[in-house]
mmCIF file of all heavy atoms, coordinates in Angstrom:
data_MODEL
# 
_entry.id   MODEL 
# 
loop_
_atom_site.group_PDB 
_atom_site.id 
_atom_site.type_symbol 
_atom_site.label_atom_id 
_atom_site.label_alt_id 
_atom_site.label_comp_id 
_atom_site.label_asym_id 
_atom_site.label_entity_id 
_atom_site.label_seq_id 
_atom_site.pdbx_PDB_ins_code 
_atom_site.Cartn_x 
_atom_site.Cartn_y 
_atom_site.Cartn_z 
_atom_site.occupancy 
_atom_site.B_iso_or_equiv 
_atom_site.pdbx_formal_charge 
_atom_site.auth_seq_id 
_atom_site.auth_comp_id 
_atom_site.auth_asym_id 
_atom_site.auth_atom_id 
_atom_site.pdbx_PDB_model_num 
ATOM 1   N N   . GLY A 1 1  ? 183.203 -44.512 122.009 1.00 0.00 ? 1  GLY A N   1 
ATOM 2   C CA  . GLY A 1 1  ? 183.552 -43.097 122.069 1.00 0.00 ? 1  GLY A CA  1 
ATOM 3   C C   . GLY A 1 1  ? 182.626 -42.276 122.950 1.00 0.00 ? 1  GLY A C   1 
ATOM 4   O O   . GLY A 1 1  ? 181.468 -42.620 123.163 1.00 0.00 ? 1  GLY A O   1 
ATOM 5   N N   . SER A 1 2  ? 183.127 -41.206 123.500 1.00 0.00 ? 2  SER A N   1 
ATOM 6   C CA  . SER A 1 2  ? 182.315 -40.261 124.267 1.00 0.00 ? 2  SER A CA  1 
ATOM 7   C C   . SER A 1 2  ? 183.158 -39.024 124.490 1.00 0.00 ? 2  SER A C   1 
ATOM 8   O O   . SER A 1 2  ? 184.059 -39.022 125.337 1.00 0.00 ? 2  SER A O   1 
ATOM 9   C CB  . SER A 1 2  ? 181.878 -40.857 125.609 1.00 0.00 ? 2  SER A CB  1 
ATOM 10  O OG  . SER A 1 2  ? 181.148 -39.902 126.355 1.00 0.00 ? 2  SER A OG  1 
ATOM 11  N N   . GLY A 1 3  ? 182.882 -37.989 123.722 1.00 0.00 ? 3  GLY A N   1 
ATOM 12  C CA  . GLY A 1 3  ? 183.690 -36.781 123.804 1.00 0.00 ? 3  GLY A CA  1 
ATOM 13  C C   . GLY A 1 3  ? 183.751 -36.185 125.191 1.00 0.00 ? 3  GLY A C   1 
ATOM 14  O O   . GLY A 1 3  ? 184.736 -35.546 125.563 1.00 0.00 ? 3  GLY A O   1 
ATOM 15  N N   . GLY A 1 4  ? 182.707 -36.394 126.000 1.00 0.00 ? 4  GLY A N   1 
ATOM 16  C CA  . GLY A 1 4  ? 182.672 -35.781 127.325 1.00 0.00 ? 4  GLY A CA  1 
ATOM 17  C C   . GLY A 1 4  ? 183.091 -36.688 128.447 1.00 0.00 ? 4  GLY A C   1 
ATOM 18  O O   . GLY A 1 4  ? 182.899 -36.344 129.615 1.00 0.00 ? 4  GLY A O   1 
ATOM 19  N N   . ALA A 1 5  ? 183.654 -37.861 128.150 1.00 0.00 ? 5  ALA A N   1 
ATOM 20  C CA  . ALA A 1 5  ? 184.002 -38.817 129.204 1.00 0.00 ? 5  ALA A CA  1 
ATOM 21  C C   . ALA A 1 5  ? 185.513 -38.996 129.277 1.00 0.00 ? 5  ALA A C   1 
ATOM 22  O O   . ALA A 1 5  ? 186.177 -39.205 128.259 1.00 0.00 ? 5  ALA A O   1 
ATOM 23  C CB  . ALA A 1 5  ? 183.335 -40.167 128.933 1.00 0.00 ? 5  ALA A CB  1 
ATOM 24  N N   . ASN A 1 6  ? 186.051 -38.910 130.477 1.00 0.00 ? 6  ASN A N   1 
ATOM 25  C CA  . ASN A 1 6  ? 187.472 -39.144 130.697 1.00 0.00 ? 6  ASN A CA  1 
ATOM 26  C C   . ASN A 1 6  ? 187.684 -40.496 131.366 1.00 0.00 ? 6  ASN A C   1 
ATOM 27  O O   . ASN A 1 6  ? 187.001 -40.826 132.347 1.00 0.00 ? 6  ASN A O   1 
ATOM 28  C CB  . ASN A 1 6  ? 188.061 -38.049 131.587 1.00 0.00 ? 6  ASN A CB  1 
ATOM 29  C CG  . ASN A 1 6  ? 188.031 -36.691 130.931 1.00 0.00 ? 6  ASN A CG  1 
ATOM 30  O OD1 . ASN A 1 6  ? 188.654 -36.482 129.897 1.00 0.00 ? 6  ASN A OD1 1 
ATOM 31  N ND2 . ASN A 1 6  ? 187.294 -35.753 131.527 1.00 0.00 ? 6  ASN A ND2 1 
ATOM 32  N N   . LEU A 1 7  ? 188.609 -41.254 130.830 1.00 0.00 ? 7  LEU A N   1 
ATOM 33  C CA  . LEU A 1 7  ? 189.010 -42.529 131.419 1.00 0.00 ? 7  LEU A CA  1 
ATOM 34  C C   . LEU A 1 7  ? 190.199 -42.249 132.332 1.00 0.00 ? 7  LEU A C   1 
ATOM 35  O O   . LEU A 1 7  ? 191.133 -41.535 131.942 1.00 0.00 ? 7  LEU A O   1 
ATOM 36  C CB  . LEU A 1 7  ? 189.401 -43.494 130.305 1.00 0.00 ? 7  LEU A CB  1 
ATOM 37  C CG  . LEU A 1 7  ? 189.399 -44.997 130.586 1.00 0.00 ? 7  LEU A CG  1 
ATOM 38  C CD1 . LEU A 1 7  ? 187.982 -45.488 130.874 1.00 0.00 ? 7  LEU A CD1 1 
ATOM 39  C CD2 . LEU A 1 7  ? 189.985 -45.750 129.396 1.00 0.00 ? 7  LEU A CD2 1 
ATOM 40  N N   . ARG A 1 8  ? 190.157 -42.764 133.558 1.00 0.00 ? 8  ARG A N   1 
ATOM 41  C CA  . ARG A 1 8  ? 191.245 -42.542 134.508 1.00 0.00 ? 8  ARG A CA  1 
ATOM 42  C C   . ARG A 1 8  ? 191.794 -43.869 134.997 1.00 0.00 ? 8  ARG A C   1 
ATOM 43  O O   . ARG A 1 8  ? 191.029 -44.801 135.259 1.00 0.00 ? 8  ARG A O   1 
ATOM 44  C CB  . ARG A 1 8  ? 190.756 -41.718 135.710 1.00 0.00 ? 8  ARG A CB  1 
ATOM 45  C CG  . ARG A 1 8  ? 190.517 -40.244 135.414 1.00 0.00 ? 8  ARG A CG  1 
ATOM 46  C CD  . ARG A 1 8  ? 189.983 -39.533 136.655 1.00 0.00 ? 8  ARG A CD  1 
ATOM 47  N NE  . ARG A 1 8  ? 190.011 -38.077 136.513 1.00 0.00 ? 8  ARG A NE  1 
ATOM 48  C CZ  . ARG A 1 8  ? 189.053 -37.365 135.898 1.00 0.00 ? 8  ARG A CZ  1 
ATOM 49  N NH1 . ARG A 1 8  ? 187.986 -38.004 135.382 1.00 0.00 ? 8  ARG A NH1 1 
ATOM 50  N NH2 . ARG A 1 8  ? 189.155 -36.057 135.802 1.00 0.00 ? 8  ARG A NH2 1 
ATOM 51  N N   . ILE A 1 9  ? 193.133 -43.933 135.136 1.00 0.00 ? 9  ILE A N   1 
ATOM 52  C CA  . ILE A 1 9  ? 193.791 -45.114 135.683 1.00 0.00 ? 9  ILE A CA  1 
ATOM 53  C C   . ILE A 1 9  ? 194.516 -44.700 136.952 1.00 0.00 ? 9  ILE A C   1 
ATOM 54  O O   . ILE A 1 9  ? 195.398 -43.834 136.931 1.00 0.00 ? 9  ILE A O   1 
ATOM 55  C CB  . ILE A 1 9  ? 194.775 -45.737 134.675 1.00 0.00 ? 9  ILE A CB  1 
ATOM 56  C CG1 . ILE A 1 9  ? 194.050 -46.077 133.366 1.00 0.00 ? 9  ILE A CG1 1 
ATOM 57  C CG2 . ILE A 1 9  ? 195.409 -46.997 135.275 1.00 0.00 ? 9  ILE A CG2 1 
ATOM 58  C CD1 . ILE A 1 9  ? 194.954 -46.676 132.294 1.00 0.00 ? 9  ILE A CD1 1 
ATOM 59  N N   . TYR A 1 10 ? 194.094 -45.297 138.079 1.00 0.00 ? 10 TYR A N   1 
ATOM 60  C CA  . TYR A 1 10 ? 194.684 -45.030 139.388 1.00 0.00 ? 10 TYR A CA  1 
ATOM 61  C C   . TYR A 1 10 ? 195.592 -46.215 139.763 1.00 0.00 ? 10 TYR A C   1 
ATOM 62  O O   . TYR A 1 10 ? 195.166 -47.366 139.725 1.00 0.00 ? 10 TYR A O   1 
ATOM 63  C CB  . TYR A 1 10 ? 193.598 -44.936 140.462 1.00 0.00 ? 10 TYR A CB  1 
ATOM 64  C CG  . TYR A 1 10 ? 192.584 -43.821 140.323 1.00 0.00 ? 10 TYR A CG  1 
ATOM 65  C CD1 . TYR A 1 10 ? 191.505 -43.930 139.431 1.00 0.00 ? 10 TYR A CD1 1 
ATOM 66  C CD2 . TYR A 1 10 ? 192.665 -42.694 141.129 1.00 0.00 ? 10 TYR A CD2 1 
ATOM 67  C CE1 . TYR A 1 10 ? 190.556 -42.931 139.341 1.00 0.00 ? 10 TYR A CE1 1 
ATOM 68  C CE2 . TYR A 1 10 ? 191.706 -41.682 141.050 1.00 0.00 ? 10 TYR A CE2 1 
ATOM 69  C CZ  . TYR A 1 10 ? 190.657 -41.807 140.147 1.00 0.00 ? 10 TYR A CZ  1 
ATOM 70  O OH  . TYR A 1 10 ? 189.713 -40.821 140.066 1.00 0.00 ? 10 TYR A OH  1 
ATOM 71  N N   . PHE A 1 11 ? 196.816 -45.947 140.147 1.00 0.00 ? 11 PHE A N   1 
ATOM 72  C CA  . PHE A 1 11 ? 197.738 -46.983 140.598 1.00 0.00 ? 11 PHE A CA  1 
ATOM 73  C C   . PHE A 1 11 ? 197.996 -46.855 142.101 1.00 0.00 ? 11 PHE A C   1 
ATOM 74  O O   . PHE A 1 11 ? 198.160 -45.739 142.638 1.00 0.00 ? 11 PHE A O   1 
ATOM 75  C CB  . PHE A 1 11 ? 199.076 -46.867 139.867 1.00 0.00 ? 11 PHE A CB  1 
ATOM 76  C CG  . PHE A 1 11 ? 199.007 -47.176 138.397 1.00 0.00 ? 11 PHE A CG  1 
ATOM 77  C CD1 . PHE A 1 11 ? 199.347 -46.215 137.460 1.00 0.00 ? 11 PHE A CD1 1 
ATOM 78  C CD2 . PHE A 1 11 ? 198.621 -48.424 137.946 1.00 0.00 ? 11 PHE A CD2 1 
ATOM 79  C CE1 . PHE A 1 11 ? 199.307 -46.490 136.102 1.00 0.00 ? 11 PHE A CE1 1 
ATOM 80  C CE2 . PHE A 1 11 ? 198.564 -48.719 136.587 1.00 0.00 ? 11 PHE A CE2 1 
ATOM 81  C CZ  . PHE A 1 11 ? 198.903 -47.746 135.665 1.00 0.00 ? 11 PHE A CZ  1 
ATOM 82  N N   . ASP A 1 12 ? 198.038 -48.003 142.781 1.00 0.00 ? 12 ASP A N   1 
ATOM 83  C CA  . ASP A 1 12 ? 198.518 -48.101 144.158 1.00 0.00 ? 12 ASP A CA  1 
ATOM 84  C C   . ASP A 1 12 ? 197.814 -47.131 145.111 1.00 0.00 ? 12 ASP A C   1 
ATOM 85  O O   . ASP A 1 12 ? 198.446 -46.472 145.952 1.00 0.00 ? 12 ASP A O   1 
ATOM 86  C CB  . ASP A 1 12 ? 200.032 -47.854 144.208 1.00 0.00 ? 12 ASP A CB  1 
ATOM 87  C CG  . ASP A 1 12 ? 200.819 -48.872 143.395 1.00 0.00 ? 12 ASP A CG  1 
ATOM 88  O OD1 . ASP A 1 12 ? 200.246 -49.919 143.043 1.00 0.00 ? 12 ASP A OD1 1 
ATOM 89  O OD2 . ASP A 1 12 ? 202.003 -48.611 143.102 1.00 0.00 ? 12 ASP A OD2 1 
ATOM 90  N N   . GLY A 1 13 ? 196.491 -47.008 144.987 1.00 0.00 ? 13 GLY A N   1 
ATOM 91  C CA  . GLY A 1 13 ? 195.705 -46.203 145.913 1.00 0.00 ? 13 GLY A CA  1 
ATOM 92  C C   . GLY A 1 13 ? 195.829 -44.706 145.725 1.00 0.00 ? 13 GLY A C   1 
ATOM 93  O O   . GLY A 1 13 ? 195.523 -43.936 146.654 1.00 0.00 ? 13 GLY A O   1 
ATOM 94  N N   . GLU A 1 14 ? 196.228 -44.259 144.548 1.00 0.00 ? 14 GLU A N   1 
ATOM 95  C CA  . GLU A 1 14 ? 196.343 -42.820 144.296 1.00 0.00 ? 14 GLU A CA  1 
ATOM 96  C C   . GLU A 1 14 ? 195.025 -42.091 144.594 1.00 0.00 ? 14 GLU A C   1 
ATOM 97  O O   . GLU A 1 14 ? 193.941 -42.604 144.276 1.00 0.00 ? 14 GLU A O   1 
ATOM 98  C CB  . GLU A 1 14 ? 196.692 -42.568 142.822 1.00 0.00 ? 14 GLU A CB  1 
ATOM 99  C CG  . GLU A 1 14 ? 198.087 -43.009 142.416 1.00 0.00 ? 14 GLU A CG  1 
ATOM 100 C CD  . GLU A 1 14 ? 198.321 -42.850 140.921 1.00 0.00 ? 14 GLU A CD  1 
ATOM 101 O OE1 . GLU A 1 14 ? 197.380 -43.107 140.137 1.00 0.00 ? 14 GLU A OE1 1 
ATOM 102 O OE2 . GLU A 1 14 ? 199.446 -42.481 140.540 1.00 0.00 ? 14 GLU A OE2 1 
ATOM 103 N N   . LYS A 1 15 ? 195.128 -40.906 145.172 1.00 0.00 ? 15 LYS A N   1 
ATOM 104 C CA  . LYS A 1 15 ? 193.945 -40.079 145.398 1.00 0.00 ? 15 LYS A CA  1 
ATOM 105 C C   . LYS A 1 15 ? 193.471 -39.455 144.087 1.00 0.00 ? 15 LYS A C   1 
ATOM 106 O O   . LYS A 1 15 ? 192.269 -39.253 143.871 1.00 0.00 ? 15 LYS A O   1 
ATOM 107 C CB  . LYS A 1 15 ? 194.252 -38.985 146.420 1.00 0.00 ? 15 LYS A CB  1 
ATOM 108 C CG  . LYS A 1 15 ? 194.589 -39.513 147.804 1.00 0.00 ? 15 LYS A CG  1 
ATOM 109 C CD  . LYS A 1 15 ? 193.446 -40.340 148.387 1.00 0.00 ? 15 LYS A CD  1 
ATOM 110 C CE  . LYS A 1 15 ? 193.778 -40.815 149.785 1.00 0.00 ? 15 LYS A CE  1 
ATOM 111 N NZ  . LYS A 1 15 ? 192.690 -41.692 150.343 1.00 0.00 ? 15 LYS A NZ  1 
ATOM 112 N N   . GLU A 1 16 ? 194.405 -39.123 143.219 1.00 0.00 ? 16 GLU A N   1 
ATOM 113 C CA  . GLU A 1 16 ? 194.077 -38.638 141.882 1.00 0.00 ? 16 GLU A CA  1 
ATOM 114 C C   . GLU A 1 16 ? 194.823 -39.504 140.874 1.00 0.00 ? 16 GLU A C   1 
ATOM 115 O O   . GLU A 1 16 ? 195.981 -39.873 141.092 1.00 0.00 ? 16 GLU A O   1 
ATOM 116 C CB  . GLU A 1 16 ? 194.461 -37.168 141.706 1.00 0.00 ? 16 GLU A CB  1 
ATOM 117 C CG  . GLU A 1 16 ? 194.031 -36.563 140.377 1.00 0.00 ? 16 GLU A CG  1 
ATOM 118 C CD  . GLU A 1 16 ? 192.527 -36.700 140.122 1.00 0.00 ? 16 GLU A CD  1 
ATOM 119 O OE1 . GLU A 1 16 ? 191.749 -35.878 140.637 1.00 0.00 ? 16 GLU A OE1 1 
ATOM 120 O OE2 . GLU A 1 16 ? 192.128 -37.656 139.404 1.00 0.00 ? 16 GLU A OE2 1 
ATOM 121 N N   . ALA A 1 17 ? 194.135 -39.840 139.793 1.00 0.00 ? 17 ALA A N   1 
ATOM 122 C CA  . ALA A 1 17 ? 194.711 -40.751 138.805 1.00 0.00 ? 17 ALA A CA  1 
ATOM 123 C C   . ALA A 1 17 ? 195.928 -40.128 138.123 1.00 0.00 ? 17 ALA A C   1 
ATOM 124 O O   . ALA A 1 17 ? 195.908 -38.960 137.737 1.00 0.00 ? 17 ALA A O   1 
ATOM 125 C CB  . ALA A 1 17 ? 193.667 -41.115 137.760 1.00 0.00 ? 17 ALA A CB  1 
ATOM 126 N N   . SER A 1 18 ? 196.961 -40.940 137.944 1.00 0.00 ? 18 SER A N   1 
ATOM 127 C CA  . SER A 1 18 ? 198.151 -40.464 137.249 1.00 0.00 ? 18 SER A CA  1 
ATOM 128 C C   . SER A 1 18 ? 198.015 -40.563 135.734 1.00 0.00 ? 18 SER A C   1 
ATOM 129 O O   . SER A 1 18 ? 198.798 -39.969 134.996 1.00 0.00 ? 18 SER A O   1 
ATOM 130 C CB  . SER A 1 18 ? 199.386 -41.246 137.708 1.00 0.00 ? 18 SER A CB  1 
ATOM 131 O OG  . SER A 1 18 ? 199.195 -42.639 137.522 1.00 0.00 ? 18 SER A OG  1 
ATOM 132 N N   . ILE A 1 19 ? 196.996 -41.307 135.265 1.00 0.00 ? 19 ILE A N   1 
ATOM 133 C CA  . ILE A 1 19 ? 196.758 -41.443 133.827 1.00 0.00 ? 19 ILE A CA  1 
ATOM 134 C C   . ILE A 1 19 ? 195.356 -40.925 133.521 1.00 0.00 ? 19 ILE A C   1 
ATOM 135 O O   . ILE A 1 19 ? 194.365 -41.424 134.066 1.00 0.00 ? 19 ILE A O   1 
ATOM 136 C CB  . ILE A 1 19 ? 196.868 -42.904 133.355 1.00 0.00 ? 19 ILE A CB  1 
ATOM 137 C CG1 . ILE A 1 19 ? 198.186 -43.530 133.802 1.00 0.00 ? 19 ILE A CG1 1 
ATOM 138 C CG2 . ILE A 1 19 ? 196.697 -42.984 131.847 1.00 0.00 ? 19 ILE A CG2 1 
ATOM 139 C CD1 . ILE A 1 19 ? 199.408 -42.938 133.171 1.00 0.00 ? 19 ILE A CD1 1 
ATOM 140 N N   . LEU A 1 20 ? 195.254 -39.916 132.642 1.00 0.00 ? 20 LEU A N   1 
ATOM 141 C CA  . LEU A 1 20 ? 193.971 -39.362 132.213 1.00 0.00 ? 20 LEU A CA  1 
ATOM 142 C C   . LEU A 1 20 ? 193.870 -39.502 130.701 1.00 0.00 ? 20 LEU A C   1 
ATOM 143 O O   . LEU A 1 20 ? 194.751 -39.045 129.965 1.00 0.00 ? 20 LEU A O   1 
ATOM 144 C CB  . LEU A 1 20 ? 193.869 -37.889 132.604 1.00 0.00 ? 20 LEU A CB  1 
ATOM 145 C CG  . LEU A 1 20 ? 192.606 -37.151 132.148 1.00 0.00 ? 20 LEU A CG  1 
ATOM 146 C CD1 . LEU A 1 20 ? 191.377 -37.701 132.875 1.00 0.00 ? 20 LEU A CD1 1 
ATOM 147 C CD2 . LEU A 1 20 ? 192.738 -35.654 132.386 1.00 0.00 ? 20 LEU A CD2 1 
ATOM 148 N N   . ILE A 1 21 ? 192.791 -40.146 130.230 1.00 0.00 ? 21 ILE A N   1 
ATOM 149 C CA  . ILE A 1 21 ? 192.603 -40.414 128.802 1.00 0.00 ? 21 ILE A CA  1 
ATOM 150 C C   . ILE A 1 21 ? 191.278 -39.795 128.376 1.00 0.00 ? 21 ILE A C   1 
ATOM 151 O O   . ILE A 1 21 ? 190.210 -40.182 128.877 1.00 0.00 ? 21 ILE A O   1 
ATOM 152 C CB  . ILE A 1 21 ? 192.597 -41.932 128.529 1.00 0.00 ? 21 ILE A CB  1 
ATOM 153 C CG1 . ILE A 1 21 ? 193.922 -42.546 129.020 1.00 0.00 ? 21 ILE A CG1 1 
ATOM 154 C CG2 . ILE A 1 21 ? 192.381 -42.218 127.057 1.00 0.00 ? 21 ILE A CG2 1 
ATOM 155 C CD1 . ILE A 1 21 ? 193.840 -44.012 129.318 1.00 0.00 ? 21 ILE A CD1 1 
ATOM 156 N N   . PRO A 1 22 ? 191.281 -38.828 127.471 1.00 0.00 ? 22 PRO A N   1 
ATOM 157 C CA  . PRO A 1 22 ? 190.041 -38.141 127.086 1.00 0.00 ? 22 PRO A CA  1 
ATOM 158 C C   . PRO A 1 22 ? 189.190 -38.954 126.111 1.00 0.00 ? 22 PRO A C   1 
ATOM 159 O O   . PRO A 1 22 ? 189.649 -39.893 125.464 1.00 0.00 ? 22 PRO A O   1 
ATOM 160 C CB  . PRO A 1 22 ? 190.557 -36.870 126.413 1.00 0.00 ? 22 PRO A CB  1 
ATOM 161 C CG  . PRO A 1 22 ? 191.885 -37.258 125.843 1.00 0.00 ? 22 PRO A CG  1 
ATOM 162 C CD  . PRO A 1 22 ? 192.472 -38.258 126.807 1.00 0.00 ? 22 PRO A CD  1 
ATOM 163 N N   . ALA A 1 23 ? 187.918 -38.560 126.030 1.00 0.00 ? 23 ALA A N   1 
ATOM 164 C CA  . ALA A 1 23 ? 186.976 -39.041 125.001 1.00 0.00 ? 23 ALA A CA  1 
ATOM 165 C C   . ALA A 1 23 ? 186.732 -40.540 125.054 1.00 0.00 ? 23 ALA A C   1 
ATOM 166 O O   . ALA A 1 23 ? 186.320 -41.138 124.060 1.00 0.00 ? 23 ALA A O   1 
ATOM 167 C CB  . ALA A 1 23 ? 187.462 -38.645 123.604 1.00 0.00 ? 23 ALA A CB  1 
ATOM 168 N N   . TYR A 1 24 ? 186.940 -41.144 126.235 1.00 0.00 ? 24 TYR A N   1 
ATOM 169 C CA  . TYR A 1 24 ? 186.760 -42.596 126.379 1.00 0.00 ? 24 TYR A CA  1 
ATOM 170 C C   . TYR A 1 24 ? 187.384 -43.341 125.195 1.00 0.00 ? 24 TYR A C   1 
ATOM 171 O O   . TYR A 1 24 ? 186.746 -44.137 124.518 1.00 0.00 ? 24 TYR A O   1 
ATOM 172 C CB  . TYR A 1 24 ? 185.280 -42.963 126.524 1.00 0.00 ? 24 TYR A CB  1 
ATOM 173 C CG  . TYR A 1 24 ? 185.101 -44.408 126.945 1.00 0.00 ? 24 TYR A CG  1 
ATOM 174 C CD1 . TYR A 1 24 ? 185.447 -44.808 128.225 1.00 0.00 ? 24 TYR A CD1 1 
ATOM 175 C CD2 . TYR A 1 24 ? 184.630 -45.367 126.063 1.00 0.00 ? 24 TYR A CD2 1 
ATOM 176 C CE1 . TYR A 1 24 ? 185.329 -46.130 128.606 1.00 0.00 ? 24 TYR A CE1 1 
ATOM 177 C CE2 . TYR A 1 24 ? 184.494 -46.693 126.441 1.00 0.00 ? 24 TYR A CE2 1 
ATOM 178 C CZ  . TYR A 1 24 ? 184.855 -47.069 127.716 1.00 0.00 ? 24 TYR A CZ  1 
ATOM 179 O OH  . TYR A 1 24 ? 184.744 -48.379 128.098 1.00 0.00 ? 24 TYR A OH  1 
ATOM 180 N N   . ASP A 1 25 ? 188.649 -43.076 124.925 1.00 0.00 ? 25 ASP A N   1 
ATOM 181 C CA  . ASP A 1 25 ? 189.333 -43.622 123.749 1.00 0.00 ? 25 ASP A CA  1 
ATOM 182 C C   . ASP A 1 25 ? 190.755 -43.983 124.152 1.00 0.00 ? 25 ASP A C   1 
ATOM 183 O O   . ASP A 1 25 ? 191.611 -43.111 124.281 1.00 0.00 ? 25 ASP A O   1 
ATOM 184 C CB  . ASP A 1 25 ? 189.327 -42.582 122.627 1.00 0.00 ? 25 ASP A CB  1 
ATOM 185 C CG  . ASP A 1 25 ? 189.952 -43.087 121.338 1.00 0.00 ? 25 ASP A CG  1 
ATOM 186 O OD1 . ASP A 1 25 ? 190.551 -44.184 121.354 1.00 0.00 ? 25 ASP A OD1 1 
ATOM 187 O OD2 . ASP A 1 25 ? 189.845 -42.384 120.323 1.00 0.00 ? 25 ASP A OD2 1 
ATOM 188 N N   . ILE A 1 26 ? 191.021 -45.277 124.369 1.00 0.00 ? 26 ILE A N   1 
ATOM 189 C CA  . ILE A 1 26 ? 192.319 -45.716 124.862 1.00 0.00 ? 26 ILE A CA  1 
ATOM 190 C C   . ILE A 1 26 ? 193.441 -45.378 123.890 1.00 0.00 ? 26 ILE A C   1 
ATOM 191 O O   . ILE A 1 26 ? 194.613 -45.289 124.287 1.00 0.00 ? 26 ILE A O   1 
ATOM 192 C CB  . ILE A 1 26 ? 192.296 -47.232 125.177 1.00 0.00 ? 26 ILE A CB  1 
ATOM 193 C CG1 . ILE A 1 26 ? 193.537 -47.654 125.996 1.00 0.00 ? 26 ILE A CG1 1 
ATOM 194 C CG2 . ILE A 1 26 ? 192.179 -48.049 123.910 1.00 0.00 ? 26 ILE A CG2 1 
ATOM 195 C CD1 . ILE A 1 26 ? 193.640 -47.022 127.343 1.00 0.00 ? 26 ILE A CD1 1 
# 
């Protein structure tokens, strides 16, 4: 866990991730 950390998933060379997951929690 980490309340201040965002997990990002980038597909196919995206400049900005299309998936944003807060608090380092899948």
